[in-house]
Amino acid sequence: MACANVLDTKGLLCPLPVIRLQEFARHVEHETEIVVIATDPGVLADIPSWCRVNGHVHVSSEQLDHEFHVKVRAVPPALPDEV
């Protein structure tokens, strides 16, 4: 997998970091690594939960100084079955 896409959500409070991630992930065409950088510690719980509910993969979370970096592998939306 190539270098990650970075989604800068610093200064945004819940639920905006998750909403921005969802907007980005909705348009991926293949598995894509995304690093969400946030200042709201709520992302440490919110993003892994969002991944479980929406079929994406939470790769890692870490705190670097006053920022939280959450790495996600976004999976493209499933195509509807042909009838």
PDB file of N, CA and C in Angstrom:
ATOM      1  N   MET A   1       0.846  -1.179   0.000  1.00  0.00           N
ATOM      2  CA  MET A   1       0.000   0.000   0.000  1.00  0.00           C
ATOM      3  C   MET A   1       0.886   1.234   0.000  1.00  0.00           C
ATOM      4  N   ALA A   2       0.536   2.219  -0.761  1.00  0.00           N
ATOM      5  CA  ALA A   2       1.333   3.442  -0.870  1.00  0.00           C
ATOM      6  C   ALA A   2       1.184   4.285   0.388  1.00  0.00           C
ATOM      7  N   CYS A   3       1.790   5.469   0.364  1.00  0.00           N
ATOM      8  CA  CYS A   3       1.735   6.340   1.528  1.00  0.00           C
ATOM      9  C   CYS A   3       0.274   6.696   1.836  1.00  0.00           C
ATOM     10  N   ALA A   4       0.036   6.987   3.099  1.00  0.00           N
ATOM     11  CA  ALA A   4      -1.316   7.250   3.562  1.00  0.00           C
ATOM     12  C   ALA A   4      -1.794   8.635   3.151  1.00  0.00           C
ATOM     13  N   ASN A   5      -3.083   8.753   3.010  1.00  0.00           N
ATOM     14  CA  ASN A   5      -3.726  10.048   2.852  1.00  0.00           C
ATOM     15  C   ASN A   5      -3.852  10.638   4.251  1.00  0.00           C
ATOM     16  N   VAL A   6      -3.642  11.919   4.387  1.00  0.00           N
ATOM     17  CA  VAL A   6      -3.748  12.570   5.690  1.00  0.00           C
ATOM     18  C   VAL A   6      -4.989  13.439   5.701  1.00  0.00           C
ATOM     19  N   LEU A   7      -5.793  13.255   6.719  1.00  0.00           N
ATOM     20  CA  LEU A   7      -7.008  14.029   6.910  1.00  0.00           C
ATOM     21  C   LEU A   7      -6.811  14.868   8.171  1.00  0.00           C
ATOM     22  N   ASP A   8      -6.590  16.161   7.987  1.00  0.00           N
ATOM     23  CA  ASP A   8      -6.312  17.067   9.105  1.00  0.00           C
ATOM     24  C   ASP A   8      -7.624  17.583   9.677  1.00  0.00           C
ATOM     25  N   THR A   9      -7.959  17.115  10.882  1.00  0.00           N
ATOM     26  CA  THR A   9      -9.185  17.573  11.544  1.00  0.00           C
ATOM     27  C   THR A   9      -8.861  18.304  12.846  1.00  0.00           C
ATOM     28  N   LYS A  10      -7.637  18.815  12.938  1.00  0.00           N
ATOM     29  CA  LYS A  10      -7.248  19.535  14.157  1.00  0.00           C
ATOM     30  C   LYS A  10      -8.189  20.707  14.392  1.00  0.00           C
ATOM     31  N   GLY A  11      -8.597  20.873  15.649  1.00  0.00           N
ATOM     32  CA  GLY A  11      -9.484  21.965  16.025  1.00  0.00           C
ATOM     33  C   GLY A  11     -10.960  21.634  15.899  1.00  0.00           C
ATOM     34  N   LEU A  12     -11.284  20.512  15.252  1.00  0.00           N
ATOM     35  CA  LEU A  12     -12.683  20.117  15.107  1.00  0.00           C
ATOM     36  C   LEU A  12     -13.083  19.209  16.268  1.00  0.00           C
ATOM     37  N   LEU A  13     -14.290  19.396  16.755  1.00  0.00           N
ATOM     38  CA  LEU A  13     -14.794  18.574  17.850  1.00  0.00           C
ATOM     39  C   LEU A  13     -15.750  17.526  17.307  1.00  0.00           C
ATOM     40  N   CYS A  14     -15.932  16.471  18.086  1.00  0.00           N
ATOM     41  CA  CYS A  14     -16.853  15.399  17.755  1.00  0.00           C
ATOM     42  C   CYS A  14     -18.217  15.983  17.426  1.00  0.00           C
ATOM     43  N   PRO A  15     -18.840  15.520  16.387  1.00  0.00           N
ATOM     44  CA  PRO A  15     -18.546  14.364  15.535  1.00  0.00           C
ATOM     45  C   PRO A  15     -17.849  14.734  14.230  1.00  0.00           C
ATOM     46  N   LEU A  16     -17.361  15.969  14.091  1.00  0.00           N
ATOM     47  CA  LEU A  16     -16.826  16.409  12.798  1.00  0.00           C
ATOM     48  C   LEU A  16     -15.646  15.580  12.275  1.00  0.00           C
ATOM     49  N   PRO A  17     -14.672  15.159  13.104  1.00  0.00           N
ATOM     50  CA  PRO A  17     -13.602  14.320  12.532  1.00  0.00           C
ATOM     51  C   PRO A  17     -14.133  13.036  11.887  1.00  0.00           C
ATOM     52  N   VAL A  18     -15.116  12.420  12.523  1.00  0.00           N
ATOM     53  CA  VAL A  18     -15.690  11.188  11.968  1.00  0.00           C
ATOM     54  C   VAL A  18     -16.479  11.495  10.692  1.00  0.00           C
ATOM     55  N   ILE A  19     -17.192  12.602  10.683  1.00  0.00           N
ATOM     56  CA  ILE A  19     -17.945  12.980   9.484  1.00  0.00           C
ATOM     57  C   ILE A  19     -16.998  13.232   8.312  1.00  0.00           C
ATOM     58  N   ARG A  20     -15.903  13.915   8.556  1.00  0.00           N
ATOM     59  CA  ARG A  20     -14.920  14.162   7.485  1.00  0.00           C
ATOM     60  C   ARG A  20     -14.330  12.852   6.977  1.00  0.00           C
ATOM     61  N   LEU A  21     -14.024  11.940   7.908  1.00  0.00           N
ATOM     62  CA  LEU A  21     -13.498  10.631   7.512  1.00  0.00           C
ATOM     63  C   LEU A  21     -14.535   9.880   6.672  1.00  0.00           C
ATOM     64  N   GLN A  22     -15.775   9.909   7.084  1.00  0.00           N
ATOM     65  CA  GLN A  22     -16.829   9.217   6.345  1.00  0.00           C
ATOM     66  C   GLN A  22     -16.981   9.788   4.940  1.00  0.00           C
ATOM     67  N   GLU A  23     -16.931  11.110   4.817  1.00  0.00           N
ATOM     68  CA  GLU A  23     -17.030  11.741   3.495  1.00  0.00           C
ATOM     69  C   GLU A  23     -15.886  11.300   2.593  1.00  0.00           C
ATOM     70  N   PHE A  24     -14.677  11.235   3.150  1.00  0.00           N
ATOM     71  CA  PHE A  24     -13.512  10.815   2.371  1.00  0.00           C
ATOM     72  C   PHE A  24     -13.642   9.343   1.973  1.00  0.00           C
ATOM     73  N   ALA A  25     -13.976   8.491   2.946  1.00  0.00           N
ATOM     74  CA  ALA A  25     -14.021   7.042   2.709  1.00  0.00           C
ATOM     75  C   ALA A  25     -15.102   6.661   1.717  1.00  0.00           C
ATOM     76  N   ARG A  26     -16.141   7.440   1.633  1.00  0.00           N
ATOM     77  CA  ARG A  26     -17.254   7.150   0.718  1.00  0.00           C
ATOM     78  C   ARG A  26     -16.794   7.126  -0.742  1.00  0.00           C
ATOM     79  N   HIS A  27     -15.683   7.805  -1.044  1.00  0.00           N
ATOM     80  CA  HIS A  27     -15.250   7.947  -2.431  1.00  0.00           C
ATOM     81  C   HIS A  27     -14.010   7.134  -2.798  1.00  0.00           C
ATOM     82  N   VAL A  28     -13.530   6.269  -1.889  1.00  0.00           N
ATOM     83  CA  VAL A  28     -12.349   5.479  -2.242  1.00  0.00           C
ATOM     84  C   VAL A  28     -12.736   4.403  -3.243  1.00  0.00           C
ATOM     85  N   GLU A  29     -11.833   4.140  -4.186  1.00  0.00           N
ATOM     86  CA  GLU A  29     -12.092   3.139  -5.217  1.00  0.00           C
ATOM     87  C   GLU A  29     -11.362   1.827  -4.955  1.00  0.00           C
ATOM     88  N   HIS A  30     -10.412   1.845  -4.029  1.00  0.00           N
ATOM     89  CA  HIS A  30      -9.690   0.642  -3.613  1.00  0.00           C
ATOM     90  C   HIS A  30      -9.284   0.848  -2.169  1.00  0.00           C
ATOM     91  N   GLU A  31      -8.802  -0.218  -1.516  1.00  0.00           N
ATOM     92  CA  GLU A  31      -8.390  -0.071  -0.116  1.00  0.00           C
ATOM     93  C   GLU A  31      -7.408   1.084  -0.008  1.00  0.00           C
ATOM     94  N   THR A  32      -7.680   1.983   0.909  1.00  0.00           N
ATOM     95  CA  THR A  32      -6.903   3.207   1.030  1.00  0.00           C
ATOM     96  C   THR A  32      -6.582   3.464   2.487  1.00  0.00           C
ATOM     97  N   GLU A  33      -5.326   3.743   2.767  1.00  0.00           N
ATOM     98  CA  GLU A  33      -4.920   4.065   4.124  1.00  0.00           C
ATOM     99  C   GLU A  33      -5.111   5.558   4.363  1.00  0.00           C
ATOM    100  N   ILE A  34      -5.732   5.881   5.476  1.00  0.00           N
ATOM    101  CA  ILE A  34      -6.006   7.269   5.846  1.00  0.00           C
ATOM    102  C   ILE A  34      -5.512   7.482   7.265  1.00  0.00           C
ATOM    103  N   VAL A  35      -4.780   8.562   7.494  1.00  0.00           N
ATOM    104  CA  VAL A  35      -4.383   8.948   8.838  1.00  0.00           C
ATOM    105  C   VAL A  35      -5.167  10.200   9.194  1.00  0.00           C
ATOM    106  N   VAL A  36      -5.993  10.081  10.233  1.00  0.00           N
ATOM    107  CA  VAL A  36      -6.761  11.219  10.727  1.00  0.00           C
ATOM    108  C   VAL A  36      -5.940  11.853  11.846  1.00  0.00           C
ATOM    109  N   ILE A  37      -5.644  13.132  11.704  1.00  0.00           N
ATOM    110  CA  ILE A  37      -4.930  13.875  12.742  1.00  0.00           C
ATOM    111  C   ILE A  37      -5.948  14.784  13.411  1.00  0.00           C
ATOM    112  N   ALA A  38      -6.089  14.634  14.723  1.00  0.00           N
ATOM    113  CA  ALA A  38      -7.119  15.370  15.451  1.00  0.00           C
ATOM    114  C   ALA A  38      -6.568  15.885  16.772  1.00  0.00           C
ATOM    115  N   THR A  39      -7.250  16.868  17.326  1.00  0.00           N
ATOM    116  CA  THR A  39      -6.930  17.361  18.663  1.00  0.00           C
ATOM    117  C   THR A  39      -7.999  16.947  19.671  1.00  0.00           C
ATOM    118  N   ASP A  40      -9.102  16.389  19.197  1.00  0.00           N
ATOM    119  CA  ASP A  40     -10.180  15.915  20.067  1.00  0.00           C
ATOM    120  C   ASP A  40      -9.895  14.463  20.447  1.00  0.00           C
ATOM    121  N   PRO A  41      -9.666  14.180  21.743  1.00  0.00           N
ATOM    122  CA  PRO A  41      -9.346  12.801  22.146  1.00  0.00           C
ATOM    123  C   PRO A  41     -10.494  11.826  21.905  1.00  0.00           C
ATOM    124  N   GLY A  42     -11.685  12.329  21.630  1.00  0.00           N
ATOM    125  CA  GLY A  42     -12.814  11.449  21.351  1.00  0.00           C
ATOM    126  C   GLY A  42     -12.605  10.561  20.139  1.00  0.00           C
ATOM    127  N   VAL A  43     -11.710  10.967  19.222  1.00  0.00           N
ATOM    128  CA  VAL A  43     -11.469  10.148  18.027  1.00  0.00           C
ATOM    129  C   VAL A  43     -10.897   8.785  18.380  1.00  0.00           C
ATOM    130  N   LEU A  44     -10.246   8.674  19.542  1.00  0.00           N
ATOM    131  CA  LEU A  44      -9.645   7.394  19.933  1.00  0.00           C
ATOM    132  C   LEU A  44     -10.701   6.311  20.140  1.00  0.00           C
ATOM    133  N   ALA A  45     -11.905   6.692  20.499  1.00  0.00           N
ATOM    134  CA  ALA A  45     -13.003   5.739  20.635  1.00  0.00           C
ATOM    135  C   ALA A  45     -13.942   5.801  19.444  1.00  0.00           C
ATOM    136  N   ASP A  46     -14.188   7.018  18.940  1.00  0.00           N
ATOM    137  CA  ASP A  46     -15.190   7.200  17.895  1.00  0.00           C
ATOM    138  C   ASP A  46     -14.798   6.569  16.563  1.00  0.00           C
ATOM    139  N   ILE A  47     -13.543   6.743  16.148  1.00  0.00           N
ATOM    140  CA  ILE A  47     -13.144   6.220  14.832  1.00  0.00           C
ATOM    141  C   ILE A  47     -13.093   4.695  14.807  1.00  0.00           C
ATOM    142  N   PRO A  48     -12.523   4.023  15.832  1.00  0.00           N
ATOM    143  CA  PRO A  48     -12.590   2.553  15.801  1.00  0.00           C
ATOM    144  C   PRO A  48     -14.033   2.024  15.785  1.00  0.00           C
ATOM    145  N   SER A  49     -14.937   2.691  16.516  1.00  0.00           N
ATOM    146  CA  SER A  49     -16.349   2.282  16.498  1.00  0.00           C
ATOM    147  C   SER A  49     -16.948   2.474  15.112  1.00  0.00           C
ATOM    148  N   TRP A  50     -16.651   3.618  14.493  1.00  0.00           N
ATOM    149  CA  TRP A  50     -17.141   3.893  13.145  1.00  0.00           C
ATOM    150  C   TRP A  50     -16.635   2.822  12.178  1.00  0.00           C
ATOM    151  N   CYS A  51     -15.369   2.438  12.317  1.00  0.00           N
ATOM    152  CA  CYS A  51     -14.803   1.395  11.439  1.00  0.00           C
ATOM    153  C   CYS A  51     -15.574   0.093  11.579  1.00  0.00           C
ATOM    154  N   ARG A  52     -15.837  -0.340  12.821  1.00  0.00           N
ATOM    155  CA  ARG A  52     -16.564  -1.595  13.039  1.00  0.00           C
ATOM    156  C   ARG A  52     -17.952  -1.556  12.397  1.00  0.00           C
ATOM    157  N   VAL A  53     -18.654  -0.461  12.555  1.00  0.00           N
ATOM    158  CA  VAL A  53     -20.018  -0.337  12.049  1.00  0.00           C
ATOM    159  C   VAL A  53     -20.046  -0.284  10.517  1.00  0.00           C
ATOM    160  N   ASN A  54     -19.017   0.331   9.914  1.00  0.00           N
ATOM    161  CA  ASN A  54     -19.038   0.593   8.474  1.00  0.00           C
ATOM    162  C   ASN A  54     -18.136  -0.308   7.640  1.00  0.00           C
ATOM    163  N   GLY A  55     -17.520  -1.312   8.248  1.00  0.00           N
ATOM    164  CA  GLY A  55     -16.746  -2.284   7.483  1.00  0.00           C
ATOM    165  C   GLY A  55     -15.349  -1.841   7.092  1.00  0.00           C
ATOM    166  N   HIS A  56     -14.811  -0.840   7.776  1.00  0.00           N
ATOM    167  CA  HIS A  56     -13.442  -0.400   7.529  1.00  0.00           C
ATOM    168  C   HIS A  56     -12.534  -0.986   8.613  1.00  0.00           C
ATOM    169  N   VAL A  57     -11.233  -0.806   8.487  1.00  0.00           N
ATOM    170  CA  VAL A  57     -10.290  -1.412   9.422  1.00  0.00           C
ATOM    171  C   VAL A  57      -9.562  -0.326  10.200  1.00  0.00           C
ATOM    172  N   HIS A  58      -9.657  -0.395  11.538  1.00  0.00           N
ATOM    173  CA  HIS A  58      -8.866   0.491  12.394  1.00  0.00           C
ATOM    174  C   HIS A  58      -7.484  -0.142  12.506  1.00  0.00           C
ATOM    175  N   VAL A  59      -6.466   0.551  12.041  1.00  0.00           N
ATOM    176  CA  VAL A  59      -5.103   0.008  12.029  1.00  0.00           C
ATOM    177  C   VAL A  59      -4.374   0.354  13.317  1.00  0.00           C
ATOM    178  N   SER A  60      -4.392   1.626  13.717  1.00  0.00           N
ATOM    179  CA  SER A  60      -3.682   2.021  14.937  1.00  0.00           C
ATOM    180  C   SER A  60      -4.141   3.393  15.402  1.00  0.00           C
ATOM    181  N   SER A  61      -3.846   3.671  16.663  1.00  0.00           N
ATOM    182  CA  SER A  61      -4.096   4.988  17.243  1.00  0.00           C
ATOM    183  C   SER A  61      -2.906   5.334  18.122  1.00  0.00           C
ATOM    184  N   GLU A  62      -2.515   6.601  18.091  1.00  0.00           N
ATOM    185  CA  GLU A  62      -1.431   7.035  18.955  1.00  0.00           C
ATOM    186  C   GLU A  62      -1.559   8.514  19.257  1.00  0.00           C
ATOM    187  N   GLN A  63      -1.010   8.889  20.408  1.00  0.00           N
ATOM    188  CA  GLN A  63      -0.984  10.302  20.773  1.00  0.00           C
ATOM    189  C   GLN A  63       0.434  10.811  20.561  1.00  0.00           C
ATOM    190  N   LEU A  64       0.542  11.910  19.820  1.00  0.00           N
ATOM    191  CA  LEU A  64       1.823  12.559  19.572  1.00  0.00           C
ATOM    192  C   LEU A  64       1.691  13.995  20.054  1.00  0.00           C
ATOM    193  N   ASP A  65       2.334  14.307  21.173  1.00  0.00           N
ATOM    194  CA  ASP A  65       2.189  15.612  21.819  1.00  0.00           C
ATOM    195  C   ASP A  65       0.707  15.850  22.104  1.00  0.00           C
ATOM    196  N   HIS A  66       0.118  16.878  21.537  1.00  0.00           N
ATOM    197  CA  HIS A  66      -1.289  17.191  21.799  1.00  0.00           C
ATOM    198  C   HIS A  66      -2.192  16.798  20.628  1.00  0.00           C
ATOM    199  N   GLU A  67      -1.692  15.905  19.792  1.00  0.00           N
ATOM    200  CA  GLU A  67      -2.461  15.438  18.643  1.00  0.00           C
ATOM    201  C   GLU A  67      -2.701  13.940  18.756  1.00  0.00           C
ATOM    202  N   PHE A  68      -3.779  13.505  18.137  1.00  0.00           N
ATOM    203  CA  PHE A  68      -4.112  12.091  18.078  1.00  0.00           C
ATOM    204  C   PHE A  68      -4.094  11.675  16.615  1.00  0.00           C
ATOM    205  N   HIS A  69      -3.347  10.624  16.321  1.00  0.00           N
ATOM    206  CA  HIS A  69      -3.227  10.112  14.956  1.00  0.00           C
ATOM    207  C   HIS A  69      -3.907   8.746  14.921  1.00  0.00           C
ATOM    208  N   VAL A  70      -4.932   8.641  14.106  1.00  0.00           N
ATOM    209  CA  VAL A  70      -5.680   7.389  13.984  1.00  0.00           C
ATOM    210  C   VAL A  70      -5.560   6.921  12.538  1.00  0.00           C
ATOM    211  N   LYS A  71      -5.016   5.725  12.369  1.00  0.00           N
ATOM    212  CA  LYS A  71      -4.814   5.172  11.027  1.00  0.00           C
ATOM    213  C   LYS A  71      -5.932   4.177  10.732  1.00  0.00           C
ATOM    214  N   VAL A  72      -6.530   4.343   9.546  1.00  0.00           N
ATOM    215  CA  VAL A  72      -7.665   3.539   9.102  1.00  0.00           C
ATOM    216  C   VAL A  72      -7.381   3.018   7.704  1.00  0.00           C
ATOM    217  N   ARG A  73      -7.817   1.790   7.426  1.00  0.00           N
ATOM    218  CA  ARG A  73      -7.790   1.280   6.054  1.00  0.00           C
ATOM    219  C   ARG A  73      -9.242   1.287   5.573  1.00  0.00           C
ATOM    220  N   ALA A  74      -9.543   2.214   4.698  1.00  0.00           N
ATOM    221  CA  ALA A  74     -10.901   2.349   4.170  1.00  0.00           C
ATOM    222  C   ALA A  74     -11.101   1.363   3.034  1.00  0.00           C
ATOM    223  N   VAL A  75     -12.230   0.703   3.059  1.00  0.00           N
ATOM    224  CA  VAL A  75     -12.579  -0.275   2.049  1.00  0.00           C
ATOM    225  C   VAL A  75     -13.664   0.346   1.159  1.00  0.00           C
ATOM    226  N   PRO A  76     -13.534   0.196  -0.153  1.00  0.00           N
ATOM    227  CA  PRO A  76     -14.541   0.815  -1.038  1.00  0.00           C
ATOM    228  C   PRO A  76     -15.931   0.255  -0.767  1.00  0.00           C
ATOM    229  N   PRO A  77     -16.932   1.072  -1.044  1.00  0.00           N
ATOM    230  CA  PRO A  77     -18.312   0.588  -0.846  1.00  0.00           C
ATOM    231  C   PRO A  77     -18.588  -0.599  -1.758  1.00  0.00           C
ATOM    232  N   ALA A  78     -19.365  -1.531  -1.228  1.00  0.00           N
ATOM    233  CA  ALA A  78     -19.735  -2.709  -2.021  1.00  0.00           C
ATOM    234  C   ALA A  78     -20.701  -2.301  -3.123  1.00  0.00           C
ATOM    235  N   LEU A  79     -20.525  -2.915  -4.267  1.00  0.00           N
ATOM    236  CA  LEU A  79     -21.446  -2.675  -5.383  1.00  0.00           C
ATOM    237  C   LEU A  79     -22.714  -3.477  -5.140  1.00  0.00           C
ATOM    238  N   PRO A  80     -23.854  -2.913  -5.459  1.00  0.00           N
ATOM    239  CA  PRO A  80     -25.099  -3.676  -5.295  1.00  0.00           C
ATOM    240  C   PRO A  80     -25.091  -4.897  -6.224  1.00  0.00           C
ATOM    241  N   ASP A  81     -25.688  -5.979  -5.752  1.00  0.00           N
ATOM    242  CA  ASP A  81     -25.776  -7.180  -6.572  1.00  0.00           C
ATOM    243  C   ASP A  81     -26.627  -6.905  -7.812  1.00  0.00           C
ATOM    244  N   GLU A  82     -26.182  -7.450  -8.933  1.00  0.00           N
ATOM    245  CA  GLU A  82     -26.953  -7.295 -10.164  1.00  0.00           C
ATOM    246  C   GLU A  82     -28.142  -8.249 -10.124  1.00  0.00           C
ATOM    247  N   VAL A  83     -29.267  -7.774 -10.560  1.00  0.00           N
ATOM    248  CA  VAL A  83     -30.479  -8.598 -10.547  1.00  0.00           C
ATOM    249  C   VAL A  83     -30.747  -9.166 -11.912  1.00  0.00           C
TER     250      VAL A  83
END
